[in-house]
Protein backbone atom coordinates (compact mmCIF):
# COMPACT_ATOMS: atom_id res chain seq x y z
CA UNK A 1 -18.65 9.30 -4.42
CA UNK A 2 -20.80 10.88 -1.19
CA UNK A 3 -19.49 10.62 2.08
CA UNK A 4 -19.90 12.40 5.57
CA UNK A 5 -17.73 11.18 8.35
CA UNK A 6 -16.66 12.17 12.37
CA UNK A 7 -13.85 10.59 12.72
CA UNK A 8 -11.31 9.59 15.44
CA UNK A 9 -9.31 13.03 15.47
CA UNK A 10 -7.39 12.44 18.61
CA UNK A 11 -6.66 9.49 20.74
CA UNK A 12 -9.24 10.67 23.48
CA UNK A 13 -11.99 11.19 20.87
CA UNK A 14 -14.90 9.19 22.50
CA UNK A 15 -16.82 8.32 19.23
CA UNK A 16 -17.01 8.30 15.81
CA UNK A 17 -19.52 7.67 13.04
CA UNK A 18 -20.01 7.87 8.99
CA UNK A 19 -21.27 6.68 6.06
CA UNK A 20 -19.95 6.23 2.31
CA UNK A 21 -21.26 5.46 -1.14
CA UNK A 22 -19.50 5.32 -4.44
CA UNK A 23 -20.29 3.82 -7.95
CA UNK A 24 -17.36 3.60 -10.25
CA UNK A 25 -17.08 2.26 -13.78
CA UNK A 26 -13.44 1.70 -15.54
CA UNK A 27 -11.29 -0.05 -17.74
CA UNK A 28 -8.66 -2.19 -15.84
CA UNK A 29 -5.72 -3.67 -17.77
CA UNK A 30 -3.58 -6.91 -16.88
CA UNK A 31 0.17 -6.59 -17.66
CA UNK A 32 3.41 -8.31 -18.47
CA UNK A 33 6.73 -7.21 -19.00
CA UNK A 34 5.26 -3.74 -18.90
CA UNK A 35 2.70 -4.13 -21.75
CA UNK A 36 -1.13 -4.61 -21.70
CA UNK A 37 -2.02 -8.02 -22.43
CA UNK A 38 -5.60 -7.82 -21.36
CA UNK A 39 -8.37 -5.44 -20.68
CA UNK A 40 -11.70 -5.28 -19.10
CA UNK A 41 -14.28 -3.19 -17.77
CA UNK A 42 -15.04 -3.11 -14.33
CA UNK A 43 -18.11 -1.75 -12.21
CA UNK A 44 -17.44 -1.40 -8.44
CA UNK A 45 -20.30 -0.17 -6.09
CA UNK A 46 -19.61 0.58 -2.49
CA UNK A 47 -21.87 1.40 0.43
CA UNK A 48 -20.94 1.39 4.09
CA UNK A 49 -22.33 3.04 7.12
CA UNK A 50 -20.54 2.54 10.71
CA UNK A 51 -20.56 3.85 14.28
CA UNK A 52 -17.50 3.47 16.80
CA UNK A 53 -16.75 4.07 20.39
CA UNK A 54 -13.41 4.91 21.92
CA UNK A 55 -12.26 4.16 25.61
CA UNK A 56 -8.93 4.66 26.94
CA UNK A 57 -7.65 1.25 28.99
CA UNK A 58 -4.46 2.67 30.65
CA UNK A 59 -2.54 5.74 30.41
CA UNK A 60 -0.83 5.23 27.15
CA UNK A 61 -3.75 2.82 25.27
CA UNK A 62 -6.54 3.55 23.55
CA UNK A 63 -9.18 0.73 22.42
CA UNK A 64 -11.55 1.62 19.60
CA UNK A 65 -14.55 -0.66 18.77
CA UNK A 66 -16.53 -0.03 15.56
CA UNK A 67 -19.71 -1.77 14.29
CA UNK A 68 -20.68 -1.30 10.48
CA UNK A 69 -22.87 -2.36 7.56
CA UNK A 70 -21.03 -2.46 4.12
CA UNK A 71 -22.13 -3.76 0.59
CA UNK A 72 -19.77 -4.16 -2.23
CA UNK A 73 -20.23 -5.05 -6.02
CA UNK A 74 -18.07 -5.95 -8.75
CA UNK A 75 -19.34 -6.51 -12.05
CA UNK A 76 -17.08 -7.38 -15.48
CA UNK A 77 -17.46 -7.09 -18.86
CA UNK A 78 -15.45 -7.68 -21.69
CA UNK A 79 -13.99 -5.20 -24.12
CA UNK A 80 -12.47 -5.28 -27.86
CA UNK A 81 -9.03 -5.78 -26.28
CA UNK A 82 -9.94 -8.59 -23.86
CA UNK A 83 -7.89 -11.68 -24.45
CA UNK A 84 -8.72 -13.95 -21.20
CA UNK A 85 -11.67 -15.28 -19.52
CA UNK A 86 -13.68 -12.75 -17.61
CA UNK A 87 -13.75 -12.74 -13.75
CA UNK A 88 -16.75 -13.81 -11.92
CA UNK A 89 -18.97 -11.27 -10.73
CA UNK A 90 -18.87 -10.50 -6.95
CA UNK A 91 -21.14 -9.29 -4.42
CA UNK A 92 -21.23 -8.79 -0.80
CA UNK A 93 -23.54 -7.76 1.87
CA UNK A 94 -22.05 -8.01 5.49
CA UNK A 95 -22.20 -6.69 9.16
CA UNK A 96 -18.83 -6.39 10.40
CA UNK A 97 -16.73 -5.37 13.77
CA UNK A 98 -13.73 -3.80 13.73
CA UNK A 99 -11.40 -3.28 16.79
CA UNK A 100 -8.64 -0.94 17.10
CA UNK A 101 -5.70 -0.94 19.92
CA UNK A 102 -3.30 2.17 19.88
CA UNK A 103 -0.51 2.77 22.09
CA UNK A 104 0.24 6.30 22.61
CA UNK A 105 4.14 6.76 22.53
CA UNK A 106 4.70 9.56 20.12
CA UNK A 107 8.12 11.50 19.24
CA UNK A 108 9.25 14.68 17.56
CA UNK A 109 11.62 13.54 14.90
CA UNK A 110 13.08 15.30 11.77
CA UNK A 111 14.43 13.87 8.43
CA UNK A 112 12.59 10.91 8.57
CA UNK A 113 9.68 10.66 6.18
CA UNK A 114 10.19 14.25 5.28
CA UNK A 115 12.58 17.33 4.80
CA UNK A 116 13.57 19.50 7.72
CA UNK A 117 10.12 19.47 8.90
CA UNK A 118 9.07 18.37 12.64
CA UNK A 119 7.10 14.94 12.03
CA UNK A 120 5.01 12.99 14.75
CA UNK A 121 6.49 9.36 14.89
CA UNK A 122 4.54 6.71 16.76
CA UNK A 123 6.73 4.06 18.46
CA UNK A 124 4.14 2.28 19.96
CA UNK A 125 1.78 -0.75 18.59
CA UNK A 126 -1.01 0.08 16.07
CA UNK A 127 -3.07 -3.10 15.74
CA UNK A 128 -6.47 -3.34 14.01
CA UNK A 129 -8.97 -6.22 13.04
CA UNK A 130 -12.13 -6.30 10.87
CA UNK A 131 -14.34 -9.12 10.64
CA UNK A 132 -17.51 -9.70 8.40
CA UNK A 133 -19.68 -12.36 7.31
CA UNK A 134 -21.83 -12.06 3.97
CA UNK A 135 -24.87 -14.48 3.95
CA UNK A 136 -25.78 -15.69 0.33
CA UNK A 137 -29.29 -14.82 1.41
CA UNK A 138 -28.36 -11.07 1.57
CA UNK A 139 -25.82 -10.92 -1.22
CA UNK A 140 -26.94 -13.19 -4.02
CA UNK A 141 -23.68 -14.57 -4.15
CA UNK A 142 -21.65 -17.36 -2.28
CA UNK A 143 -21.65 -16.91 1.73
CA UNK A 144 -18.02 -15.53 2.79
CA UNK A 145 -16.13 -14.78 5.97
CA UNK A 146 -14.32 -11.15 5.11
CA UNK A 147 -11.36 -10.28 7.29
CA UNK A 148 -8.66 -7.52 7.90
CA UNK A 149 -5.80 -7.59 10.23
CA UNK A 150 -2.91 -5.08 10.46
CA UNK A 151 -0.20 -4.44 12.88
CA UNK A 152 2.69 -1.97 12.75
CA UNK A 153 5.51 -0.96 15.55
CA UNK A 154 8.47 1.39 15.30
CA UNK A 155 11.30 1.04 17.51
CA UNK A 156 14.61 3.14 18.29
CA UNK A 157 17.55 0.67 18.52
CA UNK A 158 19.67 3.86 19.49
CA UNK A 159 19.78 7.48 18.97
CA UNK A 160 20.74 7.18 15.55
CA UNK A 161 18.81 4.11 14.24
CA UNK A 162 15.10 3.62 14.00
CA UNK A 163 13.34 0.06 13.01
CA UNK A 164 9.74 0.20 11.45
CA UNK A 165 7.73 -2.99 11.01
CA UNK A 166 4.20 -3.63 9.59
CA UNK A 167 2.05 -6.62 8.60
CA UNK A 168 -1.09 -7.05 6.84
CA UNK A 169 -3.59 -9.92 6.13
CA UNK A 170 -6.93 -9.87 4.33
CA UNK A 171 -9.21 -11.58 2.09
CA UNK A 172 -11.97 -13.79 2.19
CA UNK A 173 -13.26 -17.31 2.90
CA UNK A 174 -16.04 -19.01 0.58
CA UNK A 175 -17.96 -20.92 2.76
CA UNK A 176 -19.87 -23.24 0.47
CA UNK A 177 -17.15 -24.20 -1.54
CA UNK A 178 -14.48 -24.00 1.23
CA UNK A 179 -12.01 -22.16 -0.48
CA UNK A 180 -9.87 -19.02 0.01
CA UNK A 181 -10.25 -15.92 -2.19
CA UNK A 182 -7.70 -13.12 -2.68
CA UNK A 183 -6.16 -13.66 0.71
CA UNK A 184 -3.15 -11.49 0.64
CA UNK A 185 -0.22 -11.51 3.23
CA UNK A 186 2.03 -8.29 3.33
CA UNK A 187 5.14 -7.78 5.51
CA UNK A 188 7.13 -4.92 5.49
CA UNK A 189 10.41 -4.09 7.40
CA UNK A 190 12.59 -0.45 7.38
CA UNK A 191 15.90 0.53 9.06
CA UNK A 192 16.91 4.46 8.91
CA UNK A 193 20.31 5.19 10.34
CA UNK A 194 21.17 9.01 10.73
CA UNK A 195 24.85 9.85 9.84
CA UNK A 196 24.12 13.34 10.69
CA UNK A 197 21.37 16.26 10.34
CA UNK A 198 21.65 15.98 6.67
CA UNK A 199 22.76 12.65 5.74
CA UNK A 200 21.17 9.18 6.33
CA UNK A 201 21.13 5.70 5.20
CA UNK A 202 17.71 3.95 4.65
CA UNK A 203 16.94 0.19 3.76
CA UNK A 204 13.52 -1.37 2.96
CA UNK A 205 12.42 -5.03 2.70
CA UNK A 206 9.01 -6.08 1.95
CA UNK A 207 7.19 -9.26 0.66
CA UNK A 208 3.83 -9.90 -0.61
CA UNK A 209 1.79 -12.96 -1.57
CA UNK A 210 -1.97 -13.42 -2.74
CA UNK A 211 -3.42 -16.94 -2.59
CA UNK A 212 -6.36 -17.42 -4.87
CA UNK A 213 -6.38 -14.67 -6.77
CA UNK A 214 -9.32 -13.88 -8.80
CA UNK A 215 -8.78 -13.10 -12.56
CA UNK A 216 -8.88 -9.21 -11.97
CA UNK A 217 -5.85 -9.19 -9.52
CA UNK A 218 -2.06 -8.89 -10.21
CA UNK A 219 0.75 -8.30 -8.10
CA UNK A 220 3.33 -6.36 -10.13
CA UNK A 221 6.83 -5.21 -9.63
CA UNK A 222 8.57 -2.48 -11.73
CA UNK A 223 8.29 1.52 -11.97
CA UNK A 224 6.51 3.13 -8.90
CA UNK A 225 6.15 -0.26 -7.24
CA UNK A 226 9.81 -0.32 -6.11
CA UNK A 227 12.00 -1.72 -8.99
CA UNK A 228 12.66 1.82 -10.49
CA UNK A 229 15.06 0.81 -13.41
CA UNK A 230 12.25 -1.18 -15.17
CA UNK A 231 8.94 -0.19 -16.77
CA UNK A 232 5.88 0.29 -14.59
CA UNK A 233 4.19 -3.77 -14.22
CA UNK A 234 7.21 -5.29 -15.85
CA UNK A 235 7.01 -8.49 -13.57
CA UNK A 236 3.81 -10.19 -12.48
CA UNK A 237 3.02 -13.32 -10.10
CA UNK A 238 1.30 -14.21 -7.23
CA UNK A 239 4.16 -13.52 -4.88
CA UNK A 240 6.94 -10.93 -4.85
CA UNK A 241 9.88 -9.47 -2.59
CA UNK A 242 11.92 -6.02 -2.94
CA UNK A 243 14.88 -4.58 -1.52
CA UNK A 244 15.47 -1.04 -1.49
CA UNK A 245 18.98 0.48 -0.42
CA UNK A 246 19.29 4.31 -0.19
CA UNK A 247 21.64 7.09 0.62
CA UNK A 248 19.58 10.39 1.39
CA UNK A 249 20.46 13.64 1.90
CA UNK A 250 18.68 16.68 3.25
CA UNK A 251 19.72 20.14 1.90
CA UNK A 252 18.32 23.01 4.14
CA UNK A 253 17.25 24.98 1.22
CA UNK A 254 14.13 26.38 0.12
CA UNK A 255 13.52 26.22 -3.51
CA UNK A 256 11.52 29.32 -4.83
CA UNK A 257 10.22 29.81 -1.17
CA UNK A 258 8.31 26.79 -1.99
CA UNK A 259 9.82 23.34 -1.72
CA UNK A 260 12.40 21.77 0.79
CA UNK A 261 14.93 19.74 -1.30
CA UNK A 262 16.77 16.30 -0.91
CA UNK A 263 18.21 13.71 -3.07
CA UNK A 264 18.90 9.94 -2.97
CA UNK A 265 21.35 7.41 -4.66
CA UNK A 266 19.49 4.13 -4.70
CA UNK A 267 19.79 0.40 -5.36
CA UNK A 268 16.76 -1.72 -5.90
CA UNK A 269 16.72 -5.51 -5.82
CA UNK A 270 13.54 -7.65 -6.38
CA UNK A 271 11.68 -10.87 -8.28
CA UNK A 272 8.43 -11.95 -8.64
CA UNK A 273 6.97 -15.71 -8.23
CA UNK A 274 4.02 -17.64 -9.72
CA UNK A 275 2.60 -18.42 -13.29
CA UNK A 276 3.28 -15.70 -15.64
CA UNK A 277 0.22 -15.03 -17.93
CA UNK A 278 2.24 -15.66 -21.13
CA UNK A 279 5.91 -15.41 -20.98
CA UNK A 280 8.56 -17.39 -19.09
CA UNK A 281 9.61 -16.16 -15.75
CA UNK A 282 12.19 -14.01 -14.96
CA UNK A 283 15.02 -14.22 -12.49
CA UNK A 284 15.88 -11.68 -9.62
CA UNK A 285 16.49 -8.12 -11.27
CA UNK A 286 18.30 -5.04 -9.96
CA UNK A 287 18.86 -1.22 -10.60
CA UNK A 288 20.85 1.63 -9.67
CA UNK A 289 19.93 5.32 -9.94
CA UNK A 290 19.41 8.55 -8.30
CA UNK A 291 16.49 10.93 -7.62
CA UNK A 292 15.34 14.42 -6.21
CA UNK A 293 12.92 14.97 -3.62
CA UNK A 294 10.91 18.27 -3.21
CA UNK A 295 8.72 18.44 -0.08
CA UNK A 296 6.07 21.38 -0.24
CA UNK A 297 6.76 24.04 2.29
CA UNK A 298 3.77 26.05 2.00
CA UNK A 299 1.36 22.96 1.69
CA UNK A 300 0.29 19.72 2.76
CA UNK A 301 3.23 18.21 4.70
CA UNK A 302 2.08 14.57 3.88
CA UNK A 303 3.22 15.14 0.06
CA UNK A 304 6.62 14.47 -1.56
CA UNK A 305 7.61 14.66 -4.97
CA UNK A 306 9.90 12.13 -6.53
CA UNK A 307 11.86 12.39 -9.62
CA UNK A 308 13.99 9.59 -10.19
CA UNK A 309 16.33 8.31 -13.05
CA UNK A 310 17.41 4.70 -12.83
CA UNK A 311 19.45 1.90 -15.00
CA UNK A 312 18.65 -1.56 -15.38
CA UNK A 313 21.27 -3.81 -14.51
CA UNK A 314 19.83 -7.02 -16.17
CA UNK A 315 17.90 -6.02 -19.53
CA UNK A 316 16.26 -7.45 -22.57
CA UNK A 317 15.83 -5.51 -25.76
CA UNK A 318 12.44 -4.25 -24.65
CA UNK A 319 13.86 -2.44 -21.71
CA UNK A 320 15.17 0.74 -22.40
CA UNK A 321 18.71 1.48 -20.92
CA UNK A 322 17.70 4.31 -18.66
CA UNK A 323 14.51 4.82 -16.83
CA UNK A 324 12.82 7.79 -15.40
CA UNK A 325 9.65 8.73 -13.67
CA UNK A 326 7.86 10.98 -11.59
CA UNK A 327 5.64 10.17 -8.53
CA UNK A 328 3.88 11.70 -5.52
CA UNK A 329 4.29 10.03 -2.60
CA UNK A 330 3.55 10.27 1.33
CA UNK A 331 7.19 9.60 2.27
CA UNK A 332 11.07 10.04 1.32
């Protein structure tokens, strides 16, 4: 991958520009009940160039307008482990326009997504929209409209309670066949309640749905995707919902002078719907467990090491009675 960029590094940065080019060939897998059931080779090529201009609309609002040109190519070939039909190759070359609307409403907080470290929390709106058109004369593929919409907002209910909301919609519309392609809808709602400076409650509710998925796409649930008492990619479908409930602890202790330490007790509940690949659809699953959180105190403040142990409440003979996992995230 090769890239060069001058980003919007602050709200009052007047312009941004950049380009990126990458080529990647890898083996991709489709899963069911945590097992690989299909593999294929995927070649992805991406090329992009853009320029953006930013203006301050009012004292607390920033508007950014970007123009760019992008090329995406996806190529698929079969492997010995391929058991299903291959996805159709896709190609898109398109100019696009992107609009960002940011509200300058930041506050300083502690023990929200990190541990005993000052965090900048945006309470205002963050809205982005991107639209492009790929003509078949340029792409040697079907003409498509491509879009991306995102909005988020945080709100203090009172001096102890915080609510975060986010929504994402993206995908493509094939002009010649008048059909959708990989249209994703994603909704998220998080609630934080601080008992004290060292304890808090956290709830996360999320929903995802993909309409007209191509054969290389899959929505999965299990492991690091949020249902921690089950293997990675245990459930799959075209829709999923997930509820996480956590009691969080923040310990003012610096492990080896390298890590701030925290912990969590949690319960996860989730379900996927849609046509399974081979096996019958499962019902709602849940688990319970505990975890350790380590935030580097002398490194990137956006990193958080997660070590979790969880027990599935509903299980079959293929699921171990205890699951453990180690992941790196950017939040508690």
